[in-house]
Amino acid sequence: MAGVIGFGGVFFKARDPEALGAWYAKHLKIQLAGFGGAKFLEDSARPGCIVWTPFKETTNYFAPSDKPFMINFRVDDLHALLAELRGAGVQVDARVDESDFGRFGWIMDPEGNRVELWEPPAKA
């Protein structure tokens, strides 16, 4: 039987896709390809995984965004990146969660999308 074999991507609407892409390239160092997006390949040398999770319609986890989605990016040094983003004037959530799953921080992009930044725990 045929079925899903992996995660294909995150797609969303933007008022100004070029400007928003440039913002992500500048602040999160995402290398944009000619089509305006980015391709990420799994890296077996680094910890982490891709997670797909539906949330209840009433969740507040994406707040203060009013969008029905949230993007999660793996990062290699959460605290350093958050400090850099604060210095650049990016809206950074004051809270950082640390658990067995790693470290989590949140920012808002210029179009009001909440972005979760995740530093996975070191490989055991």
PDB file of N, CA and C in Angstrom:
ATOM      1  N   MET A   1       0.842  -1.180   0.000  1.00  0.00           N
ATOM      2  CA  MET A   1       0.000   0.000   0.000  1.00  0.00           C
ATOM      3  C   MET A   1       0.888   1.243   0.000  1.00  0.00           C
ATOM      4  N   ALA A   2       0.582   2.212  -0.812  1.00  0.00           N
ATOM      5  CA  ALA A   2       1.340   3.455  -0.879  1.00  0.00           C
ATOM      6  C   ALA A   2       1.010   4.337   0.312  1.00  0.00           C
ATOM      7  N   GLY A   3       1.965   5.163   0.726  1.00  0.00           N
ATOM      8  CA  GLY A   3       1.732   6.071   1.847  1.00  0.00           C
ATOM      9  C   GLY A   3       2.809   7.124   1.913  1.00  0.00           C
ATOM     10  N   VAL A   4       2.730   7.958   2.899  1.00  0.00           N
ATOM     11  CA  VAL A   4       3.684   9.047   3.097  1.00  0.00           C
ATOM     12  C   VAL A   4       5.031   8.469   3.486  1.00  0.00           C
ATOM     13  N   ILE A   5       6.093   9.014   2.912  1.00  0.00           N
ATOM     14  CA  ILE A   5       7.436   8.529   3.235  1.00  0.00           C
ATOM     15  C   ILE A   5       8.314   9.602   3.875  1.00  0.00           C
ATOM     16  N   GLY A   6       7.804  10.816   4.022  1.00  0.00           N
ATOM     17  CA  GLY A   6       8.591  11.875   4.641  1.00  0.00           C
ATOM     18  C   GLY A   6       7.874  13.207   4.573  1.00  0.00           C
ATOM     19  N   PHE A   7       8.501  14.203   5.115  1.00  0.00           N
ATOM     20  CA  PHE A   7       7.936  15.546   5.155  1.00  0.00           C
ATOM     21  C   PHE A   7       8.382  16.296   3.918  1.00  0.00           C
ATOM     22  N   GLY A   8       7.450  16.912   3.218  1.00  0.00           N
ATOM     23  CA  GLY A   8       7.759  17.572   1.965  1.00  0.00           C
ATOM     24  C   GLY A   8       8.033  19.050   2.064  1.00  0.00           C
ATOM     25  N   GLY A   9       7.454  19.750   3.006  1.00  0.00           N
ATOM     26  CA  GLY A   9       7.725  21.172   3.105  1.00  0.00           C
ATOM     27  C   GLY A   9       6.662  21.932   3.860  1.00  0.00           C
ATOM     28  N   VAL A  10       6.884  23.211   4.000  1.00  0.00           N
ATOM     29  CA  VAL A  10       5.945  24.130   4.628  1.00  0.00           C
ATOM     30  C   VAL A  10       5.637  25.200   3.594  1.00  0.00           C
ATOM     31  N   PHE A  11       4.382  25.404   3.296  1.00  0.00           N
ATOM     32  CA  PHE A  11       3.958  26.375   2.298  1.00  0.00           C
ATOM     33  C   PHE A  11       2.925  27.298   2.931  1.00  0.00           C
ATOM     34  N   PHE A  12       3.055  28.593   2.701  1.00  0.00           N
ATOM     35  CA  PHE A  12       2.107  29.528   3.275  1.00  0.00           C
ATOM     36  C   PHE A  12       2.048  30.786   2.435  1.00  0.00           C
ATOM     37  N   LYS A  13       0.974  31.525   2.581  1.00  0.00           N
ATOM     38  CA  LYS A  13       0.770  32.762   1.838  1.00  0.00           C
ATOM     39  C   LYS A  13       1.488  33.912   2.538  1.00  0.00           C
ATOM     40  N   ALA A  14       1.919  34.905   1.747  1.00  0.00           N
ATOM     41  CA  ALA A  14       2.562  36.102   2.304  1.00  0.00           C
ATOM     42  C   ALA A  14       2.107  37.318   1.500  1.00  0.00           C
ATOM     43  N   ARG A  15       1.961  38.453   2.167  1.00  0.00           N
ATOM     44  CA  ARG A  15       1.611  39.695   1.471  1.00  0.00           C
ATOM     45  C   ARG A  15       2.693  40.066   0.465  1.00  0.00           C
ATOM     46  N   ASP A  16       3.963  39.886   0.866  1.00  0.00           N
ATOM     47  CA  ASP A  16       5.094  40.228   0.001  1.00  0.00           C
ATOM     48  C   ASP A  16       6.115  39.100   0.102  1.00  0.00           C
ATOM     49  N   PRO A  17       5.949  38.030  -0.711  1.00  0.00           N
ATOM     50  CA  PRO A  17       6.819  36.869  -0.602  1.00  0.00           C
ATOM     51  C   PRO A  17       8.308  37.185  -0.756  1.00  0.00           C
ATOM     52  N   GLU A  18       8.684  38.077  -1.653  1.00  0.00           N
ATOM     53  CA  GLU A  18      10.094  38.404  -1.847  1.00  0.00           C
ATOM     54  C   GLU A  18      10.687  39.084  -0.621  1.00  0.00           C
ATOM     55  N   ALA A  19       9.966  40.053  -0.063  1.00  0.00           N
ATOM     56  CA  ALA A  19      10.457  40.761   1.126  1.00  0.00           C
ATOM     57  C   ALA A  19      10.535  39.815   2.321  1.00  0.00           C
ATOM     58  N   LEU A  20       9.534  38.960   2.473  1.00  0.00           N
ATOM     59  CA  LEU A  20       9.537  38.032   3.602  1.00  0.00           C
ATOM     60  C   LEU A  20      10.670  37.018   3.444  1.00  0.00           C
ATOM     61  N   GLY A  21      10.900  36.529   2.237  1.00  0.00           N
ATOM     62  CA  GLY A  21      12.021  35.628   1.986  1.00  0.00           C
ATOM     63  C   GLY A  21      13.347  36.288   2.326  1.00  0.00           C
ATOM     64  N   ALA A  22      13.487  37.562   1.949  1.00  0.00           N
ATOM     65  CA  ALA A  22      14.716  38.297   2.258  1.00  0.00           C
ATOM     66  C   ALA A  22      14.900  38.444   3.772  1.00  0.00           C
ATOM     67  N   TRP A  23      13.817  38.663   4.505  1.00  0.00           N
ATOM     68  CA  TRP A  23      13.885  38.783   5.964  1.00  0.00           C
ATOM     69  C   TRP A  23      14.391  37.470   6.571  1.00  0.00           C
ATOM     70  N   TYR A  24      13.856  36.342   6.126  1.00  0.00           N
ATOM     71  CA  TYR A  24      14.298  35.037   6.627  1.00  0.00           C
ATOM     72  C   TYR A  24      15.759  34.780   6.270  1.00  0.00           C
ATOM     73  N   ALA A  25      16.167  35.171   5.069  1.00  0.00           N
ATOM     74  CA  ALA A  25      17.561  34.999   4.662  1.00  0.00           C
ATOM     75  C   ALA A  25      18.485  35.832   5.554  1.00  0.00           C
ATOM     76  N   LYS A  26      18.092  37.053   5.850  1.00  0.00           N
ATOM     77  CA  LYS A  26      18.917  37.948   6.664  1.00  0.00           C
ATOM     78  C   LYS A  26      18.989  37.488   8.124  1.00  0.00           C
ATOM     79  N   HIS A  27      17.849  37.228   8.730  1.00  0.00           N
ATOM     80  CA  HIS A  27      17.808  36.989  10.176  1.00  0.00           C
ATOM     81  C   HIS A  27      18.006  35.538  10.578  1.00  0.00           C
ATOM     82  N   LEU A  28      17.583  34.590   9.746  1.00  0.00           N
ATOM     83  CA  LEU A  28      17.724  33.181  10.113  1.00  0.00           C
ATOM     84  C   LEU A  28      18.712  32.443   9.221  1.00  0.00           C
ATOM     85  N   LYS A  29      19.376  33.203   8.346  1.00  0.00           N
ATOM     86  CA  LYS A  29      20.444  32.649   7.487  1.00  0.00           C
ATOM     87  C   LYS A  29      19.941  31.531   6.581  1.00  0.00           C
ATOM     88  N   ILE A  30      18.676  31.596   6.176  1.00  0.00           N
ATOM     89  CA  ILE A  30      18.127  30.611   5.251  1.00  0.00           C
ATOM     90  C   ILE A  30      18.606  30.967   3.851  1.00  0.00           C
ATOM     91  N   GLN A  31      19.228  30.012   3.197  1.00  0.00           N
ATOM     92  CA  GLN A  31      19.760  30.252   1.851  1.00  0.00           C
ATOM     93  C   GLN A  31      18.656  30.000   0.835  1.00  0.00           C
ATOM     94  N   LEU A  32      18.199  31.076   0.221  1.00  0.00           N
ATOM     95  CA  LEU A  32      17.104  30.978  -0.741  1.00  0.00           C
ATOM     96  C   LEU A  32      17.603  30.472  -2.080  1.00  0.00           C
ATOM     97  N   ALA A  33      16.787  29.653  -2.729  1.00  0.00           N
ATOM     98  CA  ALA A  33      17.081  29.141  -4.070  1.00  0.00           C
ATOM     99  C   ALA A  33      16.372  30.039  -5.091  1.00  0.00           C
ATOM    100  N   GLY A  34      16.622  29.800  -6.347  1.00  0.00           N
ATOM    101  CA  GLY A  34      16.052  30.611  -7.408  1.00  0.00           C
ATOM    102  C   GLY A  34      14.535  30.669  -7.429  1.00  0.00           C
ATOM    103  N   PHE A  35      13.872  29.664  -6.871  1.00  0.00           N
ATOM    104  CA  PHE A  35      12.408  29.659  -6.856  1.00  0.00           C
ATOM    105  C   PHE A  35      11.832  30.487  -5.712  1.00  0.00           C
ATOM    106  N   GLY A  36      12.694  31.074  -4.864  1.00  0.00           N
ATOM    107  CA  GLY A  36      12.240  31.935  -3.776  1.00  0.00           C
ATOM    108  C   GLY A  36      12.114  31.239  -2.441  1.00  0.00           C
ATOM    109  N   GLY A  37      12.307  29.942  -2.405  1.00  0.00           N
ATOM    110  CA  GLY A  37      12.232  29.179  -1.166  1.00  0.00           C
ATOM    111  C   GLY A  37      13.577  28.555  -0.855  1.00  0.00           C
ATOM    112  N   ALA A  38      13.566  27.578   0.030  1.00  0.00           N
ATOM    113  CA  ALA A  38      14.807  26.925   0.443  1.00  0.00           C
ATOM    114  C   ALA A  38      14.599  25.421   0.490  1.00  0.00           C
ATOM    115  N   LYS A  39      15.669  24.683   0.289  1.00  0.00           N
ATOM    116  CA  LYS A  39      15.644  23.230   0.413  1.00  0.00           C
ATOM    117  C   LYS A  39      16.513  22.845   1.605  1.00  0.00           C
ATOM    118  N   PHE A  40      15.983  21.976   2.454  1.00  0.00           N
ATOM    119  CA  PHE A  40      16.724  21.488   3.613  1.00  0.00           C
ATOM    120  C   PHE A  40      16.884  19.980   3.469  1.00  0.00           C
ATOM    121  N   LEU A  41      18.074  19.492   3.679  1.00  0.00           N
ATOM    122  CA  LEU A  41      18.330  18.061   3.634  1.00  0.00           C
ATOM    123  C   LEU A  41      18.611  17.568   5.034  1.00  0.00           C
ATOM    124  N   GLU A  42      18.203  16.352   5.300  1.00  0.00           N
ATOM    125  CA  GLU A  42      18.485  15.759   6.609  1.00  0.00           C
ATOM    126  C   GLU A  42      19.989  15.580   6.760  1.00  0.00           C
ATOM    127  N   ASP A  43      20.472  15.795   7.957  1.00  0.00           N
ATOM    128  CA  ASP A  43      21.899  15.688   8.254  1.00  0.00           C
ATOM    129  C   ASP A  43      22.062  14.667   9.374  1.00  0.00           C
ATOM    130  N   SER A  44      22.524  13.475   9.032  1.00  0.00           N
ATOM    131  CA  SER A  44      22.637  12.416  10.029  1.00  0.00           C
ATOM    132  C   SER A  44      23.698  12.709  11.087  1.00  0.00           C
ATOM    133  N   ALA A  45      24.567  13.705  10.830  1.00  0.00           N
ATOM    134  CA  ALA A  45      25.606  14.045  11.801  1.00  0.00           C
ATOM    135  C   ALA A  45      25.066  14.946  12.915  1.00  0.00           C
ATOM    136  N   ARG A  46      23.870  15.508  12.719  1.00  0.00           N
ATOM    137  CA  ARG A  46      23.283  16.403  13.728  1.00  0.00           C
ATOM    138  C   ARG A  46      22.003  15.801  14.278  1.00  0.00           C
ATOM    139  N   PRO A  47      21.722  16.056  15.548  1.00  0.00           N
ATOM    140  CA  PRO A  47      20.494  15.517  16.124  1.00  0.00           C
ATOM    141  C   PRO A  47      19.269  16.249  15.592  1.00  0.00           C
ATOM    142  N   GLY A  48      18.126  15.626  15.744  1.00  0.00           N
ATOM    143  CA  GLY A  48      16.878  16.266  15.369  1.00  0.00           C
ATOM    144  C   GLY A  48      16.065  15.409  14.429  1.00  0.00           C
ATOM    145  N   CYS A  49      14.853  15.842  14.208  1.00  0.00           N
ATOM    146  CA  CYS A  49      13.939  15.136  13.331  1.00  0.00           C
ATOM    147  C   CYS A  49      12.953  16.152  12.776  1.00  0.00           C
ATOM    148  N   ILE A  50      12.115  15.693  11.884  1.00  0.00           N
ATOM    149  CA  ILE A  50      11.033  16.535  11.376  1.00  0.00           C
ATOM    150  C   ILE A  50       9.756  16.020  12.018  1.00  0.00           C
ATOM    151  N   VAL A  51       8.961  16.921  12.579  1.00  0.00           N
ATOM    152  CA  VAL A  51       7.745  16.536  13.288  1.00  0.00           C
ATOM    153  C   VAL A  51       6.543  17.140  12.590  1.00  0.00           C
ATOM    154  N   TRP A  52       5.509  16.348  12.450  1.00  0.00           N
ATOM    155  CA  TRP A  52       4.224  16.811  11.926  1.00  0.00           C
ATOM    156  C   TRP A  52       3.209  16.618  13.030  1.00  0.00           C
ATOM    157  N   THR A  53       2.541  17.697  13.458  1.00  0.00           N
ATOM    158  CA  THR A  53       1.607  17.600  14.571  1.00  0.00           C
ATOM    159  C   THR A  53       0.395  18.498  14.375  1.00  0.00           C
ATOM    160  N   PRO A  54      -0.808  17.939  14.282  1.00  0.00           N
ATOM    161  CA  PRO A  54      -2.002  18.781  14.293  1.00  0.00           C
ATOM    162  C   PRO A  54      -2.293  19.222  15.731  1.00  0.00           C
ATOM    163  N   PHE A  55      -2.693  20.475  15.879  1.00  0.00           N
ATOM    164  CA  PHE A  55      -3.061  21.023  17.187  1.00  0.00           C
ATOM    165  C   PHE A  55      -4.565  21.254  17.223  1.00  0.00           C
ATOM    166  N   LYS A  56      -5.125  21.307  18.418  1.00  0.00           N
ATOM    167  CA  LYS A  56      -6.548  21.637  18.551  1.00  0.00           C
ATOM    168  C   LYS A  56      -6.799  23.026  17.976  1.00  0.00           C
ATOM    169  N   GLU A  57      -7.960  23.205  17.419  1.00  0.00           N
ATOM    170  CA  GLU A  57      -8.340  24.487  16.822  1.00  0.00           C
ATOM    171  C   GLU A  57      -8.285  25.629  17.837  1.00  0.00           C
ATOM    172  N   THR A  58      -8.457  25.313  19.100  1.00  0.00           N
ATOM    173  CA  THR A  58      -8.505  26.327  20.154  1.00  0.00           C
ATOM    174  C   THR A  58      -7.150  26.596  20.817  1.00  0.00           C
ATOM    175  N   THR A  59      -6.058  26.009  20.285  1.00  0.00           N
ATOM    176  CA  THR A  59      -4.749  26.172  20.925  1.00  0.00           C
ATOM    177  C   THR A  59      -4.319  27.643  20.967  1.00  0.00           C
ATOM    178  N   ASN A  60      -3.615  27.978  22.022  1.00  0.00           N
ATOM    179  CA  ASN A  60      -2.994  29.306  22.133  1.00  0.00           C
ATOM    180  C   ASN A  60      -1.490  29.205  21.883  1.00  0.00           C
ATOM    181  N   TYR A  61      -1.020  28.029  21.483  1.00  0.00           N
ATOM    182  CA  TYR A  61       0.416  27.796  21.325  1.00  0.00           C
ATOM    183  C   TYR A  61       1.027  28.677  20.244  1.00  0.00           C
ATOM    184  N   PHE A  62       0.245  29.097  19.252  1.00  0.00           N
ATOM    185  CA  PHE A  62       0.768  29.931  18.172  1.00  0.00           C
ATOM    186  C   PHE A  62       0.663  31.423  18.489  1.00  0.00           C
ATOM    187  N   ALA A  63       0.037  31.784  19.609  1.00  0.00           N
ATOM    188  CA  ALA A  63      -0.146  33.188  19.980  1.00  0.00           C
ATOM    189  C   ALA A  63       1.212  33.830  20.264  1.00  0.00           C
ATOM    190  N   PRO A  64       1.399  35.087  19.960  1.00  0.00           N
ATOM    191  CA  PRO A  64       0.377  36.072  19.617  1.00  0.00           C
ATOM    192  C   PRO A  64      -0.050  36.085  18.155  1.00  0.00           C
ATOM    193  N   SER A  65       0.453  35.171  17.331  1.00  0.00           N
ATOM    194  CA  SER A  65       0.023  35.109  15.935  1.00  0.00           C
ATOM    195  C   SER A  65      -1.425  34.653  15.864  1.00  0.00           C
ATOM    196  N   ASP A  66      -2.157  35.176  14.904  1.00  0.00           N
ATOM    197  CA  ASP A  66      -3.522  34.718  14.679  1.00  0.00           C
ATOM    198  C   ASP A  66      -3.587  33.762  13.482  1.00  0.00           C
ATOM    199  N   LYS A  67      -2.421  33.329  13.000  1.00  0.00           N
ATOM    200  CA  LYS A  67      -2.346  32.433  11.852  1.00  0.00           C
ATOM    201  C   LYS A  67      -2.634  30.993  12.293  1.00  0.00           C
ATOM    202  N   PRO A  68      -3.132  30.163  11.377  1.00  0.00           N
ATOM    203  CA  PRO A  68      -3.471  28.782  11.737  1.00  0.00           C
ATOM    204  C   PRO A  68      -2.286  27.817  11.631  1.00  0.00           C
ATOM    205  N   PHE A  69      -1.065  28.323  11.596  1.00  0.00           N
ATOM    206  CA  PHE A  69       0.104  27.465  11.490  1.00  0.00           C
ATOM    207  C   PHE A  69       1.274  28.096  12.231  1.00  0.00           C
ATOM    208  N   MET A  70       2.308  27.332  12.463  1.00  0.00           N
ATOM    209  CA  MET A  70       3.560  27.842  13.009  1.00  0.00           C
ATOM    210  C   MET A  70       4.687  27.031  12.385  1.00  0.00           C
ATOM    211  N   ILE A  71       5.743  27.692  12.003  1.00  0.00           N
ATOM    212  CA  ILE A  71       6.906  27.029  11.439  1.00  0.00           C
ATOM    213  C   ILE A  71       7.893  26.749  12.562  1.00  0.00           C
ATOM    214  N   ASN A  72       8.566  25.610  12.497  1.00  0.00           N
ATOM    215  CA  ASN A  72       9.598  25.240  13.460  1.00  0.00           C
ATOM    216  C   ASN A  72      10.891  25.015  12.687  1.00  0.00           C
ATOM    217  N   PHE A  73      11.953  25.703  13.092  1.00  0.00           N
ATOM    218  CA  PHE A  73      13.268  25.510  12.485  1.00  0.00           C
ATOM    219  C   PHE A  73      14.234  24.962  13.523  1.00  0.00           C
ATOM    220  N   ARG A  74      15.040  23.976  13.132  1.00  0.00           N
ATOM    221  CA  ARG A  74      16.136  23.510  13.979  1.00  0.00           C
ATOM    222  C   ARG A  74      17.263  24.524  13.902  1.00  0.00           C
ATOM    223  N   VAL A  75      17.897  24.812  15.028  1.00  0.00           N
ATOM    224  CA  VAL A  75      19.028  25.742  15.073  1.00  0.00           C
ATOM    225  C   VAL A  75      20.170  25.095  15.844  1.00  0.00           C
ATOM    226  N   ASP A  76      21.374  25.631  15.661  1.00  0.00           N
ATOM    227  CA  ASP A  76      22.521  25.004  16.321  1.00  0.00           C
ATOM    228  C   ASP A  76      22.920  25.673  17.632  1.00  0.00           C
ATOM    229  N   ASP A  77      22.497  26.902  17.872  1.00  0.00           N
ATOM    230  CA  ASP A  77      22.826  27.598  19.122  1.00  0.00           C
ATOM    231  C   ASP A  77      21.701  28.586  19.416  1.00  0.00           C
ATOM    232  N   LEU A  78      20.666  28.113  20.083  1.00  0.00           N
ATOM    233  CA  LEU A  78      19.457  28.912  20.304  1.00  0.00           C
ATOM    234  C   LEU A  78      19.746  30.222  21.012  1.00  0.00           C
ATOM    235  N   HIS A  79      20.481  30.180  22.121  1.00  0.00           N
ATOM    236  CA  HIS A  79      20.690  31.404  22.899  1.00  0.00           C
ATOM    237  C   HIS A  79      21.458  32.455  22.102  1.00  0.00           C
ATOM    238  N   ALA A  80      22.469  32.042  21.350  1.00  0.00           N
ATOM    239  CA  ALA A  80      23.229  32.998  20.531  1.00  0.00           C
ATOM    240  C   ALA A  80      22.347  33.592  19.441  1.00  0.00           C
ATOM    241  N   LEU A  81      21.528  32.753  18.801  1.00  0.00           N
ATOM    242  CA  LEU A  81      20.650  33.255  17.738  1.00  0.00           C
ATOM    243  C   LEU A  81      19.618  34.221  18.304  1.00  0.00           C
ATOM    244  N   LEU A  82      19.020  33.902  19.439  1.00  0.00           N
ATOM    245  CA  LEU A  82      18.018  34.805  20.029  1.00  0.00           C
ATOM    246  C   LEU A  82      18.647  36.147  20.394  1.00  0.00           C
ATOM    247  N   ALA A  83      19.856  36.127  20.922  1.00  0.00           N
ATOM    248  CA  ALA A  83      20.545  37.387  21.252  1.00  0.00           C
ATOM    249  C   ALA A  83      20.786  38.203  19.982  1.00  0.00           C
ATOM    250  N   GLU A  84      21.213  37.538  18.923  1.00  0.00           N
ATOM    251  CA  GLU A  84      21.449  38.231  17.650  1.00  0.00           C
ATOM    252  C   GLU A  84      20.150  38.823  17.108  1.00  0.00           C
ATOM    253  N   LEU A  85      19.064  38.065  17.196  1.00  0.00           N
ATOM    254  CA  LEU A  85      17.776  38.541  16.690  1.00  0.00           C
ATOM    255  C   LEU A  85      17.268  39.726  17.511  1.00  0.00           C
ATOM    256  N   ARG A  86      17.415  39.656  18.836  1.00  0.00           N
ATOM    257  CA  ARG A  86      17.013  40.800  19.676  1.00  0.00           C
ATOM    258  C   ARG A  86      17.791  42.051  19.270  1.00  0.00           C
ATOM    259  N   GLY A  87      19.091  41.885  19.058  1.00  0.00           N
ATOM    260  CA  GLY A  87      19.937  43.004  18.658  1.00  0.00           C
ATOM    261  C   GLY A  87      19.547  43.593  17.318  1.00  0.00           C
ATOM    262  N   ALA A  88      18.913  42.778  16.472  1.00  0.00           N
ATOM    263  CA  ALA A  88      18.486  43.242  15.150  1.00  0.00           C
ATOM    264  C   ALA A  88      17.064  43.794  15.169  1.00  0.00           C
ATOM    265  N   GLY A  89      16.450  43.835  16.363  1.00  0.00           N
ATOM    266  CA  GLY A  89      15.113  44.400  16.480  1.00  0.00           C
ATOM    267  C   GLY A  89      13.984  43.434  16.176  1.00  0.00           C
ATOM    268  N   VAL A  90      14.285  42.146  16.072  1.00  0.00           N
ATOM    269  CA  VAL A  90      13.256  41.144  15.828  1.00  0.00           C
ATOM    270  C   VAL A  90      12.465  40.927  17.119  1.00  0.00           C
ATOM    271  N   GLN A  91      11.153  40.725  16.987  1.00  0.00           N
ATOM    272  CA  GLN A  91      10.306  40.466  18.149  1.00  0.00           C
ATOM    273  C   GLN A  91      10.578  39.050  18.640  1.00  0.00           C
ATOM    274  N   VAL A  92      11.215  38.948  19.827  1.00  0.00           N
ATOM    275  CA  VAL A  92      11.608  37.661  20.407  1.00  0.00           C
ATOM    276  C   VAL A  92      10.822  37.449  21.692  1.00  0.00           C
ATOM    277  N   ASP A  93      10.213  36.281  21.830  1.00  0.00           N
ATOM    278  CA  ASP A  93       9.498  35.916  23.051  1.00  0.00           C
ATOM    279  C   ASP A  93      10.516  35.849  24.192  1.00  0.00           C
ATOM    280  N   ALA A  94      10.173  36.378  25.346  1.00  0.00           N
ATOM    281  CA  ALA A  94      11.087  36.376  26.496  1.00  0.00           C
ATOM    282  C   ALA A  94      11.300  34.971  27.054  1.00  0.00           C
ATOM    283  N   ARG A  95      10.353  34.076  26.810  1.00  0.00           N
ATOM    284  CA  ARG A  95      10.404  32.720  27.361  1.00  0.00           C
ATOM    285  C   ARG A  95      11.274  31.814  26.497  1.00  0.00           C
ATOM    286  N   VAL A  96      12.086  30.985  27.131  1.00  0.00           N
ATOM    287  CA  VAL A  96      12.818  29.899  26.483  1.00  0.00           C
ATOM    288  C   VAL A  96      12.515  28.643  27.291  1.00  0.00           C
ATOM    289  N   ASP A  97      12.058  27.601  26.609  1.00  0.00           N
ATOM    290  CA  ASP A  97      11.766  26.336  27.278  1.00  0.00           C
ATOM    291  C   ASP A  97      12.933  25.384  27.089  1.00  0.00           C
ATOM    292  N   GLU A  98      13.332  24.723  28.180  1.00  0.00           N
ATOM    293  CA  GLU A  98      14.386  23.725  28.117  1.00  0.00           C
ATOM    294  C   GLU A  98      13.849  22.439  28.732  1.00  0.00           C
ATOM    295  N   SER A  99      14.013  21.340  27.995  1.00  0.00           N
ATOM    296  CA  SER A  99      13.506  20.051  28.464  1.00  0.00           C
ATOM    297  C   SER A  99      14.369  18.938  27.870  1.00  0.00           C
ATOM    298  N   ASP A 100      13.946  17.701  28.103  1.00  0.00           N
ATOM    299  CA  ASP A 100      14.641  16.559  27.509  1.00  0.00           C
ATOM    300  C   ASP A 100      14.591  16.599  25.987  1.00  0.00           C
ATOM    301  N   PHE A 101      13.640  17.357  25.428  1.00  0.00           N
ATOM    302  CA  PHE A 101      13.483  17.457  23.971  1.00  0.00           C
ATOM    303  C   PHE A 101      14.383  18.522  23.366  1.00  0.00           C
ATOM    304  N   GLY A 102      15.052  19.307  24.213  1.00  0.00           N
ATOM    305  CA  GLY A 102      15.937  20.365  23.737  1.00  0.00           C
ATOM    306  C   GLY A 102      15.500  21.728  24.224  1.00  0.00           C
ATOM    307  N   ARG A 103      15.958  22.759  23.531  1.00  0.00           N
ATOM    308  CA  ARG A 103      15.630  24.142  23.878  1.00  0.00           C
ATOM    309  C   ARG A 103      14.711  24.720  22.805  1.00  0.00           C
ATOM    310  N   PHE A 104      13.726  25.512  23.248  1.00  0.00           N
ATOM    311  CA  PHE A 104      12.769  26.121  22.336  1.00  0.00           C
ATOM    312  C   PHE A 104      12.665  27.614  22.609  1.00  0.00           C
ATOM    313  N   GLY A 105      12.651  28.400  21.555  1.00  0.00           N
ATOM    314  CA  GLY A 105      12.431  29.838  21.635  1.00  0.00           C
ATOM    315  C   GLY A 105      11.506  30.240  20.496  1.00  0.00           C
ATOM    316  N   TRP A 106      10.956  31.457  20.560  1.00  0.00           N
ATOM    317  CA  TRP A 106       9.979  31.874  19.560  1.00  0.00           C
ATOM    318  C   TRP A 106      10.225  33.305  19.135  1.00  0.00           C
ATOM    319  N   ILE A 107       9.938  33.567  17.867  1.00  0.00           N
ATOM    320  CA  ILE A 107      10.021  34.918  17.319  1.00  0.00           C
ATOM    321  C   ILE A 107       8.780  35.163  16.463  1.00  0.00           C
ATOM    322  N   MET A 108       8.594  36.419  16.091  1.00  0.00           N
ATOM    323  CA  MET A 108       7.540  36.779  15.148  1.00  0.00           C
ATOM    324  C   MET A 108       8.209  37.364  13.919  1.00  0.00           C
ATOM    325  N   ASP A 109       7.759  36.940  12.735  1.00  0.00           N
ATOM    326  CA  ASP A 109       8.301  37.538  11.514  1.00  0.00           C
ATOM    327  C   ASP A 109       7.517  38.810  11.188  1.00  0.00           C
ATOM    328  N   PRO A 110       7.930  39.585  10.186  1.00  0.00           N
ATOM    329  CA  PRO A 110       7.282  40.868   9.910  1.00  0.00           C
ATOM    330  C   PRO A 110       5.821  40.771   9.481  1.00  0.00           C
ATOM    331  N   GLU A 111       5.363  39.570   9.099  1.00  0.00           N
ATOM    332  CA  GLU A 111       3.964  39.418   8.686  1.00  0.00           C
ATOM    333  C   GLU A 111       3.111  38.792   9.786  1.00  0.00           C
ATOM    334  N   GLY A 112       3.643  38.722  11.001  1.00  0.00           N
ATOM    335  CA  GLY A 112       2.863  38.227  12.134  1.00  0.00           C
ATOM    336  C   GLY A 112       2.813  36.717  12.267  1.00  0.00           C
ATOM    337  N   ASN A 113       3.745  36.008  11.644  1.00  0.00           N
ATOM    338  CA  ASN A 113       3.823  34.558  11.775  1.00  0.00           C
ATOM    339  C   ASN A 113       4.727  34.202  12.947  1.00  0.00           C
ATOM    340  N   ARG A 114       4.255  33.355  13.825  1.00  0.00           N
ATOM    341  CA  ARG A 114       5.070  32.886  14.945  1.00  0.00           C
ATOM    342  C   ARG A 114       5.995  31.792  14.423  1.00  0.00           C
ATOM    343  N   VAL A 115       7.264  31.865  14.789  1.00  0.00           N
ATOM    344  CA  VAL A 115       8.270  30.914  14.355  1.00  0.00           C
ATOM    345  C   VAL A 115       8.905  30.315  15.600  1.00  0.00           C
ATOM    346  N   GLU A 116       8.903  28.992  15.667  1.00  0.00           N
ATOM    347  CA  GLU A 116       9.534  28.292  16.783  1.00  0.00           C
ATOM    348  C   GLU A 116      10.946  27.901  16.368  1.00  0.00           C
ATOM    349  N   LEU A 117      11.902  28.190  17.233  1.00  0.00           N
ATOM    350  CA  LEU A 117      13.297  27.831  17.005  1.00  0.00           C
ATOM    351  C   LEU A 117      13.660  26.737  17.998  1.00  0.00           C
ATOM    352  N   TRP A 118      14.199  25.642  17.483  1.00  0.00           N
ATOM    353  CA  TRP A 118      14.448  24.450  18.297  1.00  0.00           C
ATOM    354  C   TRP A 118      15.895  24.020  18.189  1.00  0.00           C
ATOM    355  N   GLU A 119      16.567  23.972  19.332  1.00  0.00           N
ATOM    356  CA  GLU A 119      17.904  23.407  19.414  1.00  0.00           C
ATOM    357  C   GLU A 119      17.749  22.008  20.010  1.00  0.00           C
ATOM    358  N   PRO A 120      17.867  20.951  19.188  1.00  0.00           N
ATOM    359  CA  PRO A 120      17.700  19.598  19.713  1.00  0.00           C
ATOM    360  C   PRO A 120      18.760  19.287  20.767  1.00  0.00           C
ATOM    361  N   PRO A 121      18.457  18.344  21.641  1.00  0.00           N
ATOM    362  CA  PRO A 121      19.473  17.940  22.625  1.00  0.00           C
ATOM    363  C   PRO A 121      20.620  17.241  21.910  1.00  0.00           C
ATOM    364  N   ALA A 122      21.791  17.258  22.517  1.00  0.00           N
ATOM    365  CA  ALA A 122      22.950  16.566  21.931  1.00  0.00           C
ATOM    366  C   ALA A 122      22.620  15.086  21.814  1.00  0.00           C
ATOM    367  N   LYS A 123      23.184  14.441  20.807  1.00  0.00           N
ATOM    368  CA  LYS A 123      22.959  12.995  20.652  1.00  0.00           C
ATOM    369  C   LYS A 123      23.495  12.259  21.859  1.00  0.00           C
ATOM    370  N   ALA A 124      22.756  11.240  22.255  1.00  0.00           N
ATOM    371  CA  ALA A 124      23.182  10.451  23.418  1.00  0.00           C
ATOM    372  C   ALA A 124      24.336   9.554  23.043  1.00  0.00           C
TER     373      ALA A 124
END
